[in-house]
Amino acid sequence: MIEFHDVWKAFPYKGGTKQIVTGLTLAFPKDRSIAIIGRNGAGKSTLLSMIAGTIDPDRGEIVKLGRTSWPMGFRGGFHGDLTGRQNTRFVARIYGTNTEEMEAYVEEFAELGRFLDMPVRTYSSGMKARLAFGVSLAARFDCYLVDEITGVGDSRFRAKCRRAFKERVATSQIIMVSHSDNTLRSYCESALLLENGTATFFDDLEEALEIYGQVMAH
């Protein structure tokens, strides 16, 4: 269960203020997966980071019951001077996961070969995404936060990601940001639409996508 209690967030923007959410009070239903939708710059990734706890609201509180992942797709959390293997072991210790099991899973899944033992700062963006996805799947969460991660790699690796992700989240909640309506339909039933600092919850994803289409048309 994720609850927002009078949550406000804004950023300085072009000499003014960009409002992300204004007095958001809402409880996400725990039995539904949620799409976060809105135009570019609406604050979708910011909201996801607020849920993860990596960005604080200006006011209010976000309450999380259960284990919530970091935003899958966010690759800034790895230490560039540590190897992929060392970063994996560090994350395992933070989240109380068996270190050897996580390391073995990431080594097999991410397919980084010798680069797993090289500093992450030498990785391409695709390699960092593979490491991030492997580490995220290796740890078990009640709620997975997803930010466009499922599009990484070639077609074979993308298919592998989709299969592994669907297996892992079969009994978990997902909160997802994606520009692909079909991807959202594959994982989500409900949606939160961000527009000009207002967040509107829709129990039905299709209704939300229809309203969002109307918003974008104006």
N, C-alpha and C. Protein backbone atom coordinates (compact mmCIF):
# COMPACT_ATOMS: atom_id res chain seq x y z
N MET A 1 0.84 -1.19 0.00
CA MET A 1 0.00 0.00 0.00
C MET A 1 0.88 1.24 0.00
N ILE A 2 0.58 2.18 -0.90
CA ILE A 2 1.29 3.45 -0.95
C ILE A 2 0.26 4.56 -0.79
N GLU A 3 0.51 5.45 0.17
CA GLU A 3 -0.42 6.52 0.47
C GLU A 3 0.28 7.88 0.40
N PHE A 4 -0.41 8.85 -0.18
CA PHE A 4 0.06 10.23 -0.23
C PHE A 4 -0.80 11.06 0.72
N HIS A 5 -0.15 11.81 1.61
CA HIS A 5 -0.87 12.64 2.57
C HIS A 5 -0.47 14.10 2.36
N ASP A 6 -1.34 14.84 1.66
CA ASP A 6 -1.13 16.27 1.39
C ASP A 6 0.28 16.54 0.85
N VAL A 7 0.62 15.86 -0.24
CA VAL A 7 1.96 15.94 -0.82
C VAL A 7 2.04 17.07 -1.84
N TRP A 8 3.04 17.91 -1.68
CA TRP A 8 3.32 19.02 -2.60
C TRP A 8 4.76 18.88 -3.10
N LYS A 9 4.96 19.20 -4.39
CA LYS A 9 6.32 19.21 -4.94
C LYS A 9 6.38 20.17 -6.12
N ALA A 10 7.41 21.03 -6.10
CA ALA A 10 7.62 21.97 -7.20
C ALA A 10 9.12 22.16 -7.41
N PHE A 11 9.49 22.60 -8.63
CA PHE A 11 10.87 22.91 -8.96
C PHE A 11 10.95 24.30 -9.57
N PRO A 12 12.05 25.02 -9.36
CA PRO A 12 12.26 26.27 -10.10
C PRO A 12 12.33 25.96 -11.60
N TYR A 13 11.69 26.81 -12.41
CA TYR A 13 11.62 26.52 -13.84
C TYR A 13 11.48 27.83 -14.62
N LYS A 14 12.51 28.17 -15.41
CA LYS A 14 12.48 29.34 -16.29
C LYS A 14 12.02 30.60 -15.56
N GLY A 15 12.63 30.85 -14.43
CA GLY A 15 12.31 32.04 -13.67
C GLY A 15 11.04 31.94 -12.85
N GLY A 16 10.36 30.82 -12.94
CA GLY A 16 9.14 30.62 -12.17
C GLY A 16 9.19 29.31 -11.41
N THR A 17 8.04 28.68 -11.27
CA THR A 17 7.94 27.42 -10.54
C THR A 17 7.16 26.40 -11.35
N LYS A 18 7.71 25.20 -11.44
CA LYS A 18 7.02 24.09 -12.09
C LYS A 18 6.41 23.21 -11.02
N GLN A 19 5.09 23.18 -10.96
CA GLN A 19 4.40 22.40 -9.94
C GLN A 19 4.24 20.96 -10.42
N ILE A 20 4.67 20.00 -9.61
CA ILE A 20 4.54 18.58 -9.95
C ILE A 20 3.24 18.03 -9.38
N VAL A 21 3.05 18.16 -8.08
CA VAL A 21 1.79 17.78 -7.43
C VAL A 21 1.44 18.85 -6.40
N THR A 22 0.14 19.04 -6.22
CA THR A 22 -0.37 20.08 -5.33
C THR A 22 -1.37 19.47 -4.36
N GLY A 23 -0.96 19.28 -3.12
CA GLY A 23 -1.86 18.76 -2.10
C GLY A 23 -2.42 17.39 -2.40
N LEU A 24 -1.58 16.50 -2.94
CA LEU A 24 -2.05 15.16 -3.32
C LEU A 24 -2.32 14.30 -2.09
N THR A 25 -3.54 13.88 -1.94
CA THR A 25 -3.94 12.93 -0.90
C THR A 25 -4.63 11.76 -1.59
N LEU A 26 -4.03 10.59 -1.49
CA LEU A 26 -4.51 9.44 -2.26
C LEU A 26 -3.90 8.16 -1.71
N ALA A 27 -4.65 7.08 -1.73
CA ALA A 27 -4.13 5.76 -1.40
C ALA A 27 -4.24 4.88 -2.65
N PHE A 28 -3.11 4.42 -3.16
CA PHE A 28 -3.15 3.50 -4.30
C PHE A 28 -3.75 2.17 -3.84
N PRO A 29 -4.73 1.63 -4.57
CA PRO A 29 -5.23 0.30 -4.21
C PRO A 29 -4.12 -0.73 -4.34
N LYS A 30 -3.94 -1.55 -3.32
CA LYS A 30 -2.79 -2.45 -3.30
C LYS A 30 -2.94 -3.63 -4.25
N ASP A 31 -4.16 -3.88 -4.74
CA ASP A 31 -4.39 -5.01 -5.63
C ASP A 31 -4.39 -4.61 -7.10
N ARG A 32 -3.93 -3.40 -7.42
CA ARG A 32 -3.90 -2.94 -8.80
C ARG A 32 -2.54 -2.33 -9.10
N SER A 33 -2.09 -2.50 -10.34
CA SER A 33 -0.86 -1.87 -10.78
C SER A 33 -1.20 -0.56 -11.48
N ILE A 34 -0.35 0.45 -11.27
CA ILE A 34 -0.68 1.82 -11.62
C ILE A 34 0.27 2.36 -12.69
N ALA A 35 -0.30 2.94 -13.75
CA ALA A 35 0.48 3.67 -14.75
C ALA A 35 0.54 5.14 -14.34
N ILE A 36 1.73 5.74 -14.44
CA ILE A 36 1.87 7.18 -14.24
C ILE A 36 1.99 7.81 -15.63
N ILE A 37 1.00 8.62 -16.01
CA ILE A 37 0.98 9.19 -17.36
C ILE A 37 0.93 10.71 -17.29
N GLY A 38 1.33 11.34 -18.38
CA GLY A 38 1.36 12.80 -18.46
C GLY A 38 2.34 13.22 -19.54
N ARG A 39 2.20 14.45 -19.98
CA ARG A 39 3.08 14.94 -21.04
C ARG A 39 4.52 15.05 -20.55
N ASN A 40 5.47 15.21 -21.48
CA ASN A 40 6.87 15.36 -21.12
C ASN A 40 7.04 16.56 -20.19
N GLY A 41 7.77 16.38 -19.10
CA GLY A 41 7.99 17.44 -18.14
C GLY A 41 6.92 17.55 -17.07
N ALA A 42 5.93 16.67 -17.11
CA ALA A 42 4.85 16.73 -16.12
C ALA A 42 5.31 16.31 -14.73
N GLY A 43 6.40 15.54 -14.67
CA GLY A 43 6.94 15.12 -13.37
C GLY A 43 6.75 13.65 -13.06
N LYS A 44 6.57 12.83 -14.08
CA LYS A 44 6.31 11.40 -13.87
C LYS A 44 7.49 10.72 -13.17
N SER A 45 8.69 10.92 -13.67
CA SER A 45 9.86 10.29 -13.05
C SER A 45 10.15 10.89 -11.68
N THR A 46 9.85 12.17 -11.52
CA THR A 46 10.01 12.80 -10.20
C THR A 46 9.09 12.15 -9.18
N LEU A 47 7.83 11.92 -9.58
CA LEU A 47 6.89 11.28 -8.67
C LEU A 47 7.36 9.88 -8.31
N LEU A 48 7.87 9.15 -9.31
CA LEU A 48 8.38 7.80 -9.05
C LEU A 48 9.54 7.85 -8.06
N SER A 49 10.42 8.82 -8.21
CA SER A 49 11.54 8.97 -7.29
C SER A 49 11.08 9.37 -5.89
N MET A 50 10.01 10.14 -5.81
CA MET A 50 9.45 10.49 -4.51
C MET A 50 8.90 9.25 -3.82
N ILE A 51 8.24 8.39 -4.56
CA ILE A 51 7.73 7.15 -3.98
C ILE A 51 8.90 6.28 -3.50
N ALA A 52 9.99 6.27 -4.28
CA ALA A 52 11.16 5.48 -3.90
C ALA A 52 11.87 6.05 -2.69
N GLY A 53 11.69 7.36 -2.47
CA GLY A 53 12.37 8.00 -1.35
C GLY A 53 13.67 8.68 -1.71
N THR A 54 14.00 8.75 -2.99
CA THR A 54 15.23 9.41 -3.41
C THR A 54 15.05 10.91 -3.60
N ILE A 55 13.80 11.37 -3.71
CA ILE A 55 13.47 12.80 -3.73
C ILE A 55 12.40 13.04 -2.67
N ASP A 56 12.59 14.08 -1.86
CA ASP A 56 11.63 14.39 -0.81
C ASP A 56 10.54 15.34 -1.31
N PRO A 57 9.32 15.18 -0.85
CA PRO A 57 8.29 16.19 -1.15
C PRO A 57 8.61 17.49 -0.43
N ASP A 58 8.09 18.60 -0.96
CA ASP A 58 8.26 19.89 -0.27
C ASP A 58 7.43 19.92 1.01
N ARG A 59 6.25 19.32 0.93
CA ARG A 59 5.35 19.22 2.08
C ARG A 59 4.63 17.89 1.99
N GLY A 60 4.13 17.44 3.12
CA GLY A 60 3.35 16.21 3.14
C GLY A 60 4.20 14.98 3.35
N GLU A 61 3.57 13.83 3.23
CA GLU A 61 4.21 12.55 3.54
C GLU A 61 3.75 11.46 2.59
N ILE A 62 4.68 10.59 2.21
CA ILE A 62 4.36 9.40 1.43
C ILE A 62 4.62 8.19 2.31
N VAL A 63 3.59 7.40 2.55
CA VAL A 63 3.68 6.23 3.42
C VAL A 63 3.70 4.97 2.56
N LYS A 64 4.66 4.09 2.83
CA LYS A 64 4.78 2.83 2.09
C LYS A 64 4.72 1.67 3.07
N LEU A 65 3.86 0.72 2.78
CA LEU A 65 3.78 -0.50 3.56
C LEU A 65 4.26 -1.64 2.68
N GLY A 66 5.31 -2.33 3.10
CA GLY A 66 5.91 -3.38 2.27
C GLY A 66 7.20 -2.89 1.64
N ARG A 67 7.89 -3.79 0.96
CA ARG A 67 9.17 -3.48 0.34
C ARG A 67 8.95 -2.90 -1.05
N THR A 68 9.48 -1.68 -1.26
CA THR A 68 9.33 -0.99 -2.54
C THR A 68 10.69 -0.87 -3.20
N SER A 69 10.76 -1.14 -4.48
CA SER A 69 12.03 -1.10 -5.20
C SER A 69 12.47 0.34 -5.46
N TRP A 70 13.69 0.50 -5.89
CA TRP A 70 14.14 1.75 -6.48
C TRP A 70 13.55 1.82 -7.88
N PRO A 71 13.56 2.99 -8.54
CA PRO A 71 13.01 3.05 -9.91
C PRO A 71 13.86 2.24 -10.88
N MET A 72 13.31 1.15 -11.39
CA MET A 72 14.03 0.35 -12.39
C MET A 72 14.17 1.20 -13.64
N GLY A 73 15.40 1.37 -14.09
CA GLY A 73 15.68 2.27 -15.19
C GLY A 73 16.54 3.43 -14.71
N PHE A 74 16.50 3.71 -13.39
CA PHE A 74 17.35 4.74 -12.81
C PHE A 74 18.74 4.15 -12.59
N ARG A 75 19.74 4.71 -13.29
CA ARG A 75 21.07 4.11 -13.25
C ARG A 75 22.10 4.98 -12.52
N GLY A 76 21.63 6.07 -11.89
CA GLY A 76 22.56 6.96 -11.22
C GLY A 76 22.99 6.46 -9.85
N GLY A 77 22.37 5.39 -9.36
CA GLY A 77 22.66 4.92 -8.01
C GLY A 77 23.89 4.06 -7.91
N PHE A 78 24.46 3.63 -9.02
CA PHE A 78 25.66 2.81 -8.98
C PHE A 78 26.89 3.69 -8.79
N HIS A 79 27.84 3.16 -8.03
CA HIS A 79 29.11 3.87 -7.81
C HIS A 79 30.02 3.59 -8.99
N GLY A 80 30.41 4.65 -9.70
CA GLY A 80 31.16 4.48 -10.95
C GLY A 80 32.51 3.83 -10.80
N ASP A 81 33.15 3.99 -9.64
CA ASP A 81 34.49 3.43 -9.46
C ASP A 81 34.46 1.98 -9.00
N LEU A 82 33.29 1.50 -8.60
CA LEU A 82 33.15 0.09 -8.23
C LEU A 82 32.76 -0.72 -9.46
N THR A 83 33.10 -1.98 -9.45
CA THR A 83 32.73 -2.86 -10.56
C THR A 83 31.23 -3.20 -10.48
N GLY A 84 30.72 -3.75 -11.54
CA GLY A 84 29.33 -4.20 -11.52
C GLY A 84 29.10 -5.23 -10.44
N ARG A 85 30.05 -6.12 -10.24
CA ARG A 85 29.93 -7.15 -9.21
C ARG A 85 29.93 -6.53 -7.81
N GLN A 86 30.82 -5.56 -7.59
CA GLN A 86 30.88 -4.91 -6.28
C GLN A 86 29.60 -4.12 -6.00
N ASN A 87 29.08 -3.44 -7.02
CA ASN A 87 27.81 -2.73 -6.85
C ASN A 87 26.68 -3.69 -6.52
N THR A 88 26.67 -4.83 -7.18
CA THR A 88 25.64 -5.84 -6.93
C THR A 88 25.69 -6.32 -5.49
N ARG A 89 26.87 -6.61 -5.00
CA ARG A 89 27.02 -7.09 -3.63
C ARG A 89 26.64 -6.00 -2.62
N PHE A 90 26.95 -4.76 -2.95
CA PHE A 90 26.60 -3.65 -2.07
C PHE A 90 25.08 -3.52 -1.96
N VAL A 91 24.38 -3.60 -3.08
CA VAL A 91 22.92 -3.51 -3.07
C VAL A 91 22.33 -4.68 -2.28
N ALA A 92 22.89 -5.86 -2.46
CA ALA A 92 22.40 -7.04 -1.74
C ALA A 92 22.48 -6.84 -0.23
N ARG A 93 23.58 -6.26 0.23
CA ARG A 93 23.73 -6.02 1.67
C ARG A 93 22.73 -4.98 2.17
N ILE A 94 22.50 -3.93 1.38
CA ILE A 94 21.56 -2.88 1.78
C ILE A 94 20.15 -3.45 1.94
N TYR A 95 19.74 -4.32 1.01
CA TYR A 95 18.37 -4.82 1.01
C TYR A 95 18.23 -6.17 1.72
N GLY A 96 19.29 -6.62 2.36
CA GLY A 96 19.20 -7.84 3.13
C GLY A 96 18.98 -9.09 2.30
N THR A 97 19.47 -9.06 1.07
CA THR A 97 19.34 -10.20 0.15
C THR A 97 20.62 -11.03 0.20
N ASN A 98 20.48 -12.33 -0.01
CA ASN A 98 21.65 -13.20 -0.03
C ASN A 98 22.63 -12.73 -1.10
N THR A 99 23.83 -12.37 -0.69
CA THR A 99 24.80 -11.75 -1.59
C THR A 99 25.20 -12.67 -2.73
N GLU A 100 25.50 -13.93 -2.41
CA GLU A 100 25.94 -14.87 -3.43
C GLU A 100 24.83 -15.16 -4.44
N GLU A 101 23.60 -15.28 -3.95
CA GLU A 101 22.48 -15.55 -4.86
C GLU A 101 22.24 -14.38 -5.80
N MET A 102 22.28 -13.15 -5.28
CA MET A 102 22.08 -11.99 -6.15
C MET A 102 23.20 -11.88 -7.17
N GLU A 103 24.42 -12.09 -6.73
CA GLU A 103 25.57 -12.01 -7.64
C GLU A 103 25.45 -13.03 -8.77
N ALA A 104 25.07 -14.26 -8.43
CA ALA A 104 24.93 -15.31 -9.44
C ALA A 104 23.81 -14.98 -10.42
N TYR A 105 22.70 -14.45 -9.89
CA TYR A 105 21.56 -14.10 -10.76
C TYR A 105 21.96 -13.00 -11.74
N VAL A 106 22.60 -11.94 -11.23
CA VAL A 106 22.98 -10.82 -12.09
C VAL A 106 24.00 -11.26 -13.14
N GLU A 107 24.94 -12.09 -12.73
CA GLU A 107 25.96 -12.55 -13.67
C GLU A 107 25.33 -13.31 -14.83
N GLU A 108 24.35 -14.14 -14.53
CA GLU A 108 23.68 -14.91 -15.59
C GLU A 108 22.74 -14.03 -16.41
N PHE A 109 21.99 -13.18 -15.74
CA PHE A 109 20.93 -12.45 -16.42
C PHE A 109 21.46 -11.30 -17.27
N ALA A 110 22.36 -10.48 -16.71
CA ALA A 110 22.78 -9.25 -17.38
C ALA A 110 23.68 -9.49 -18.58
N GLU A 111 24.32 -10.64 -18.65
CA GLU A 111 25.16 -11.01 -19.79
C GLU A 111 26.25 -9.96 -20.06
N LEU A 112 26.91 -9.52 -18.99
CA LEU A 112 27.95 -8.51 -19.12
C LEU A 112 29.33 -9.12 -19.30
N GLY A 113 29.46 -10.43 -19.09
CA GLY A 113 30.75 -11.09 -19.26
C GLY A 113 31.83 -10.47 -18.38
N ARG A 114 32.99 -10.22 -18.98
CA ARG A 114 34.13 -9.69 -18.21
C ARG A 114 33.86 -8.28 -17.68
N PHE A 115 32.88 -7.57 -18.28
CA PHE A 115 32.60 -6.21 -17.83
C PHE A 115 31.99 -6.18 -16.43
N LEU A 116 31.46 -7.30 -15.96
CA LEU A 116 30.92 -7.33 -14.61
C LEU A 116 32.00 -7.02 -13.58
N ASP A 117 33.27 -7.29 -13.94
CA ASP A 117 34.39 -7.04 -13.04
C ASP A 117 35.18 -5.79 -13.44
N MET A 118 34.53 -4.92 -14.19
CA MET A 118 35.13 -3.64 -14.56
C MET A 118 34.32 -2.50 -13.93
N PRO A 119 34.94 -1.32 -13.73
CA PRO A 119 34.23 -0.20 -13.11
C PRO A 119 32.99 0.20 -13.93
N VAL A 120 31.92 0.52 -13.24
CA VAL A 120 30.67 0.87 -13.91
C VAL A 120 30.83 2.13 -14.76
N ARG A 121 31.79 3.01 -14.42
CA ARG A 121 31.99 4.22 -15.21
C ARG A 121 32.46 3.90 -16.63
N THR A 122 32.93 2.67 -16.87
CA THR A 122 33.35 2.27 -18.22
C THR A 122 32.21 1.68 -19.03
N TYR A 123 31.04 1.55 -18.43
CA TYR A 123 29.91 0.92 -19.10
C TYR A 123 29.23 1.88 -20.07
N SER A 124 28.65 1.32 -21.12
CA SER A 124 27.73 2.08 -21.96
C SER A 124 26.41 2.22 -21.22
N SER A 125 25.53 3.08 -21.71
CA SER A 125 24.22 3.23 -21.07
C SER A 125 23.43 1.93 -21.11
N GLY A 126 23.56 1.18 -22.19
CA GLY A 126 22.87 -0.10 -22.29
C GLY A 126 23.38 -1.11 -21.28
N MET A 127 24.69 -1.13 -21.05
CA MET A 127 25.26 -2.05 -20.07
C MET A 127 24.82 -1.68 -18.66
N LYS A 128 24.76 -0.38 -18.36
CA LYS A 128 24.27 0.05 -17.05
C LYS A 128 22.82 -0.37 -16.86
N ALA A 129 22.03 -0.26 -17.93
CA ALA A 129 20.63 -0.65 -17.84
C ALA A 129 20.49 -2.15 -17.60
N ARG A 130 21.33 -2.94 -18.24
CA ARG A 130 21.30 -4.40 -18.03
C ARG A 130 21.64 -4.73 -16.58
N LEU A 131 22.66 -4.05 -16.06
CA LEU A 131 23.04 -4.28 -14.66
C LEU A 131 21.89 -3.87 -13.73
N ALA A 132 21.29 -2.70 -14.01
CA ALA A 132 20.19 -2.21 -13.16
C ALA A 132 19.01 -3.17 -13.19
N PHE A 133 18.68 -3.67 -14.37
CA PHE A 133 17.54 -4.56 -14.48
C PHE A 133 17.81 -5.88 -13.77
N GLY A 134 19.03 -6.41 -13.95
CA GLY A 134 19.38 -7.66 -13.28
C GLY A 134 19.36 -7.54 -11.78
N VAL A 135 19.91 -6.45 -11.26
CA VAL A 135 19.93 -6.24 -9.80
C VAL A 135 18.50 -6.08 -9.28
N SER A 136 17.67 -5.34 -10.03
CA SER A 136 16.29 -5.12 -9.59
C SER A 136 15.50 -6.42 -9.53
N LEU A 137 15.70 -7.28 -10.51
CA LEU A 137 14.98 -8.56 -10.53
C LEU A 137 15.52 -9.53 -9.48
N ALA A 138 16.79 -9.39 -9.15
CA ALA A 138 17.38 -10.32 -8.18
C ALA A 138 16.84 -10.09 -6.78
N ALA A 139 16.42 -8.86 -6.49
CA ALA A 139 15.83 -8.55 -5.18
C ALA A 139 14.31 -8.64 -5.29
N ARG A 140 13.67 -9.20 -4.30
CA ARG A 140 12.21 -9.36 -4.33
C ARG A 140 11.54 -8.21 -3.59
N PHE A 141 10.53 -7.62 -4.24
CA PHE A 141 9.82 -6.48 -3.67
C PHE A 141 8.31 -6.72 -3.75
N ASP A 142 7.60 -6.05 -2.84
CA ASP A 142 6.13 -6.07 -2.89
C ASP A 142 5.61 -5.12 -3.96
N CYS A 143 6.39 -4.07 -4.24
CA CYS A 143 6.01 -3.09 -5.25
C CYS A 143 7.23 -2.73 -6.09
N TYR A 144 7.12 -2.88 -7.40
CA TYR A 144 8.20 -2.53 -8.32
C TYR A 144 7.90 -1.20 -8.98
N LEU A 145 8.86 -0.27 -8.92
CA LEU A 145 8.77 1.01 -9.60
C LEU A 145 9.54 0.89 -10.91
N VAL A 146 8.89 1.20 -12.02
CA VAL A 146 9.48 0.95 -13.33
C VAL A 146 9.46 2.22 -14.16
N ASP A 147 10.63 2.61 -14.67
CA ASP A 147 10.75 3.82 -15.48
C ASP A 147 11.40 3.48 -16.82
N GLU A 148 10.61 2.96 -17.74
CA GLU A 148 11.03 2.69 -19.12
C GLU A 148 12.15 1.65 -19.26
N ILE A 149 12.40 0.86 -18.21
CA ILE A 149 13.53 -0.07 -18.26
C ILE A 149 13.32 -1.20 -19.25
N THR A 150 12.06 -1.56 -19.55
CA THR A 150 11.81 -2.77 -20.34
C THR A 150 12.20 -2.61 -21.80
N GLY A 151 12.67 -1.44 -22.22
CA GLY A 151 13.04 -1.26 -23.62
C GLY A 151 14.53 -1.41 -23.89
N VAL A 152 15.31 -1.92 -22.95
CA VAL A 152 16.75 -1.94 -23.09
C VAL A 152 17.23 -3.13 -23.93
N GLY A 153 18.33 -2.91 -24.68
CA GLY A 153 18.99 -4.01 -25.36
C GLY A 153 18.37 -4.38 -26.71
N ASP A 154 18.90 -5.46 -27.29
CA ASP A 154 18.38 -5.92 -28.57
C ASP A 154 17.08 -6.68 -28.37
N SER A 155 16.47 -7.12 -29.46
CA SER A 155 15.14 -7.74 -29.37
C SER A 155 15.17 -9.01 -28.52
N ARG A 156 16.25 -9.79 -28.62
CA ARG A 156 16.34 -11.02 -27.83
C ARG A 156 16.40 -10.69 -26.34
N PHE A 157 17.22 -9.68 -25.98
CA PHE A 157 17.35 -9.34 -24.57
C PHE A 157 16.07 -8.69 -24.05
N ARG A 158 15.40 -7.89 -24.88
CA ARG A 158 14.12 -7.29 -24.47
C ARG A 158 13.09 -8.37 -24.17
N ALA A 159 13.06 -9.40 -25.01
CA ALA A 159 12.13 -10.51 -24.77
C ALA A 159 12.47 -11.22 -23.47
N LYS A 160 13.76 -11.40 -23.22
CA LYS A 160 14.21 -12.02 -21.97
C LYS A 160 13.78 -11.18 -20.78
N CYS A 161 13.92 -9.85 -20.88
CA CYS A 161 13.52 -8.94 -19.80
C CYS A 161 12.02 -9.05 -19.53
N ARG A 162 11.23 -9.07 -20.59
CA ARG A 162 9.77 -9.14 -20.41
C ARG A 162 9.37 -10.43 -19.72
N ARG A 163 9.96 -11.55 -20.14
CA ARG A 163 9.62 -12.84 -19.52
C ARG A 163 9.99 -12.84 -18.04
N ALA A 164 11.22 -12.42 -17.74
CA ALA A 164 11.69 -12.44 -16.36
C ALA A 164 10.88 -11.47 -15.50
N PHE A 165 10.57 -10.32 -16.07
CA PHE A 165 9.83 -9.31 -15.31
C PHE A 165 8.43 -9.80 -14.98
N LYS A 166 7.75 -10.40 -15.95
CA LYS A 166 6.39 -10.89 -15.71
C LYS A 166 6.38 -12.00 -14.67
N GLU A 167 7.39 -12.84 -14.68
CA GLU A 167 7.48 -13.90 -13.67
C GLU A 167 7.68 -13.30 -12.27
N ARG A 168 8.54 -12.30 -12.18
CA ARG A 168 8.89 -11.73 -10.89
C ARG A 168 7.73 -10.93 -10.28
N VAL A 169 6.98 -10.23 -11.13
CA VAL A 169 5.94 -9.33 -10.60
C VAL A 169 4.56 -9.96 -10.58
N ALA A 170 4.48 -11.26 -10.82
CA ALA A 170 3.17 -11.93 -10.89
C ALA A 170 2.38 -11.73 -9.61
N THR A 171 3.05 -11.63 -8.48
CA THR A 171 2.36 -11.45 -7.20
C THR A 171 2.72 -10.12 -6.54
N SER A 172 3.21 -9.16 -7.33
CA SER A 172 3.62 -7.86 -6.80
C SER A 172 2.87 -6.74 -7.51
N GLN A 173 2.85 -5.58 -6.88
CA GLN A 173 2.28 -4.39 -7.51
C GLN A 173 3.34 -3.72 -8.36
N ILE A 174 2.89 -3.05 -9.43
CA ILE A 174 3.78 -2.29 -10.29
C ILE A 174 3.28 -0.85 -10.38
N ILE A 175 4.20 0.09 -10.29
CA ILE A 175 3.91 1.48 -10.61
C ILE A 175 4.86 1.85 -11.74
N MET A 176 4.30 2.16 -12.90
CA MET A 176 5.10 2.23 -14.13
C MET A 176 4.95 3.55 -14.87
N VAL A 177 6.09 4.06 -15.31
CA VAL A 177 6.14 5.17 -16.26
C VAL A 177 6.59 4.62 -17.60
N SER A 178 5.83 4.87 -18.65
CA SER A 178 6.22 4.43 -19.99
C SER A 178 5.52 5.30 -21.01
N HIS A 179 6.19 5.55 -22.14
CA HIS A 179 5.57 6.29 -23.24
C HIS A 179 4.80 5.37 -24.18
N SER A 180 4.82 4.08 -23.90
CA SER A 180 4.13 3.10 -24.74
C SER A 180 2.81 2.68 -24.09
N ASP A 181 1.71 3.03 -24.75
CA ASP A 181 0.40 2.62 -24.23
C ASP A 181 0.29 1.10 -24.15
N ASN A 182 0.86 0.41 -25.13
CA ASN A 182 0.76 -1.05 -25.13
C ASN A 182 1.54 -1.66 -23.97
N THR A 183 2.69 -1.06 -23.63
CA THR A 183 3.44 -1.53 -22.47
C THR A 183 2.63 -1.33 -21.19
N LEU A 184 2.01 -0.16 -21.07
CA LEU A 184 1.18 0.11 -19.89
C LEU A 184 0.02 -0.87 -19.82
N ARG A 185 -0.58 -1.17 -20.96
CA ARG A 185 -1.70 -2.12 -20.98
C ARG A 185 -1.26 -3.52 -20.57
N SER A 186 0.00 -3.85 -20.83
CA SER A 186 0.50 -5.18 -20.51
C SER A 186 0.64 -5.40 -19.00
N TYR A 187 0.83 -4.30 -18.26
CA TYR A 187 1.16 -4.44 -16.84
C TYR A 187 0.18 -3.76 -15.89
N CYS A 188 -0.56 -2.76 -16.35
CA CYS A 188 -1.32 -1.89 -15.44
C CYS A 188 -2.82 -1.98 -15.68
N GLU A 189 -3.58 -1.73 -14.61
CA GLU A 189 -5.04 -1.67 -14.70
C GLU A 189 -5.57 -0.27 -14.44
N SER A 190 -4.83 0.53 -13.67
CA SER A 190 -5.27 1.86 -13.28
C SER A 190 -4.19 2.87 -13.65
N ALA A 191 -4.50 4.17 -13.45
CA ALA A 191 -3.53 5.19 -13.86
C ALA A 191 -3.67 6.44 -13.01
N LEU A 192 -2.55 7.16 -12.90
CA LEU A 192 -2.51 8.48 -12.29
C LEU A 192 -2.04 9.46 -13.37
N LEU A 193 -2.90 10.42 -13.71
CA LEU A 193 -2.60 11.40 -14.76
C LEU A 193 -2.09 12.68 -14.12
N LEU A 194 -0.88 13.11 -14.52
CA LEU A 194 -0.30 14.37 -14.04
C LEU A 194 -0.47 15.43 -15.11
N GLU A 195 -1.04 16.57 -14.72
CA GLU A 195 -1.24 17.66 -15.67
C GLU A 195 -1.27 18.98 -14.90
N ASN A 196 -0.26 19.82 -15.16
CA ASN A 196 -0.19 21.16 -14.56
C ASN A 196 -0.30 21.13 -13.03
N GLY A 197 0.39 20.20 -12.40
CA GLY A 197 0.42 20.13 -10.95
C GLY A 197 -0.75 19.41 -10.31
N THR A 198 -1.69 18.96 -11.14
CA THR A 198 -2.85 18.22 -10.63
C THR A 198 -2.68 16.74 -10.95
N ALA A 199 -2.90 15.90 -9.97
CA ALA A 199 -2.83 14.44 -10.15
C ALA A 199 -4.23 13.86 -10.03
N THR A 200 -4.67 13.18 -11.08
CA THR A 200 -6.02 12.60 -11.11
C THR A 200 -5.92 11.09 -11.23
N PHE A 201 -6.52 10.38 -10.29
CA PHE A 201 -6.48 8.92 -10.32
C PHE A 201 -7.67 8.36 -11.09
N PHE A 202 -7.39 7.37 -11.95
CA PHE A 202 -8.42 6.67 -12.70
C PHE A 202 -8.32 5.18 -12.37
N ASP A 203 -9.42 4.61 -11.92
CA ASP A 203 -9.42 3.18 -11.63
C ASP A 203 -9.24 2.36 -12.90
N ASP A 204 -9.72 2.91 -14.03
CA ASP A 204 -9.65 2.20 -15.31
C ASP A 204 -8.59 2.83 -16.20
N LEU A 205 -7.61 2.05 -16.60
CA LEU A 205 -6.51 2.55 -17.43
C LEU A 205 -7.00 3.10 -18.75
N GLU A 206 -7.92 2.42 -19.41
CA GLU A 206 -8.38 2.86 -20.72
C GLU A 206 -9.05 4.23 -20.64
N GLU A 207 -9.80 4.48 -19.59
CA GLU A 207 -10.41 5.80 -19.42
C GLU A 207 -9.33 6.86 -19.27
N ALA A 208 -8.29 6.54 -18.49
CA ALA A 208 -7.20 7.49 -18.29
C ALA A 208 -6.49 7.80 -19.60
N LEU A 209 -6.21 6.78 -20.41
CA LEU A 209 -5.53 6.98 -21.68
C LEU A 209 -6.39 7.82 -22.63
N GLU A 210 -7.70 7.62 -22.59
CA GLU A 210 -8.61 8.40 -23.44
C GLU A 210 -8.59 9.87 -23.03
N ILE A 211 -8.67 10.13 -21.72
CA ILE A 211 -8.62 11.51 -21.22
C ILE A 211 -7.28 12.14 -21.54
N TYR A 212 -6.21 11.38 -21.37
CA TYR A 212 -4.87 11.89 -21.66
C TYR A 212 -4.75 12.28 -23.14
N GLY A 213 -5.33 11.46 -24.01
CA GLY A 213 -5.33 11.78 -25.44
C GLY A 213 -6.05 13.09 -25.71
N GLN A 214 -7.13 13.35 -25.03
CA GLN A 214 -7.86 14.60 -25.18
C GLN A 214 -7.03 15.78 -24.68
N VAL A 215 -6.32 15.56 -23.55
CA VAL A 215 -5.45 16.62 -23.00
C VAL A 215 -4.36 16.98 -24.00
N MET A 216 -3.74 15.97 -24.61
CA MET A 216 -2.65 16.20 -25.54
C MET A 216 -3.13 16.84 -26.83
N ALA A 217 -4.40 16.68 -27.16
CA ALA A 217 -4.93 17.25 -28.39
C ALA A 217 -5.16 18.75 -28.29
N HIS A 218 -5.11 19.31 -27.08
CA HIS A 218 -5.36 20.74 -26.89
C HIS A 218 -4.06 21.48 -26.61
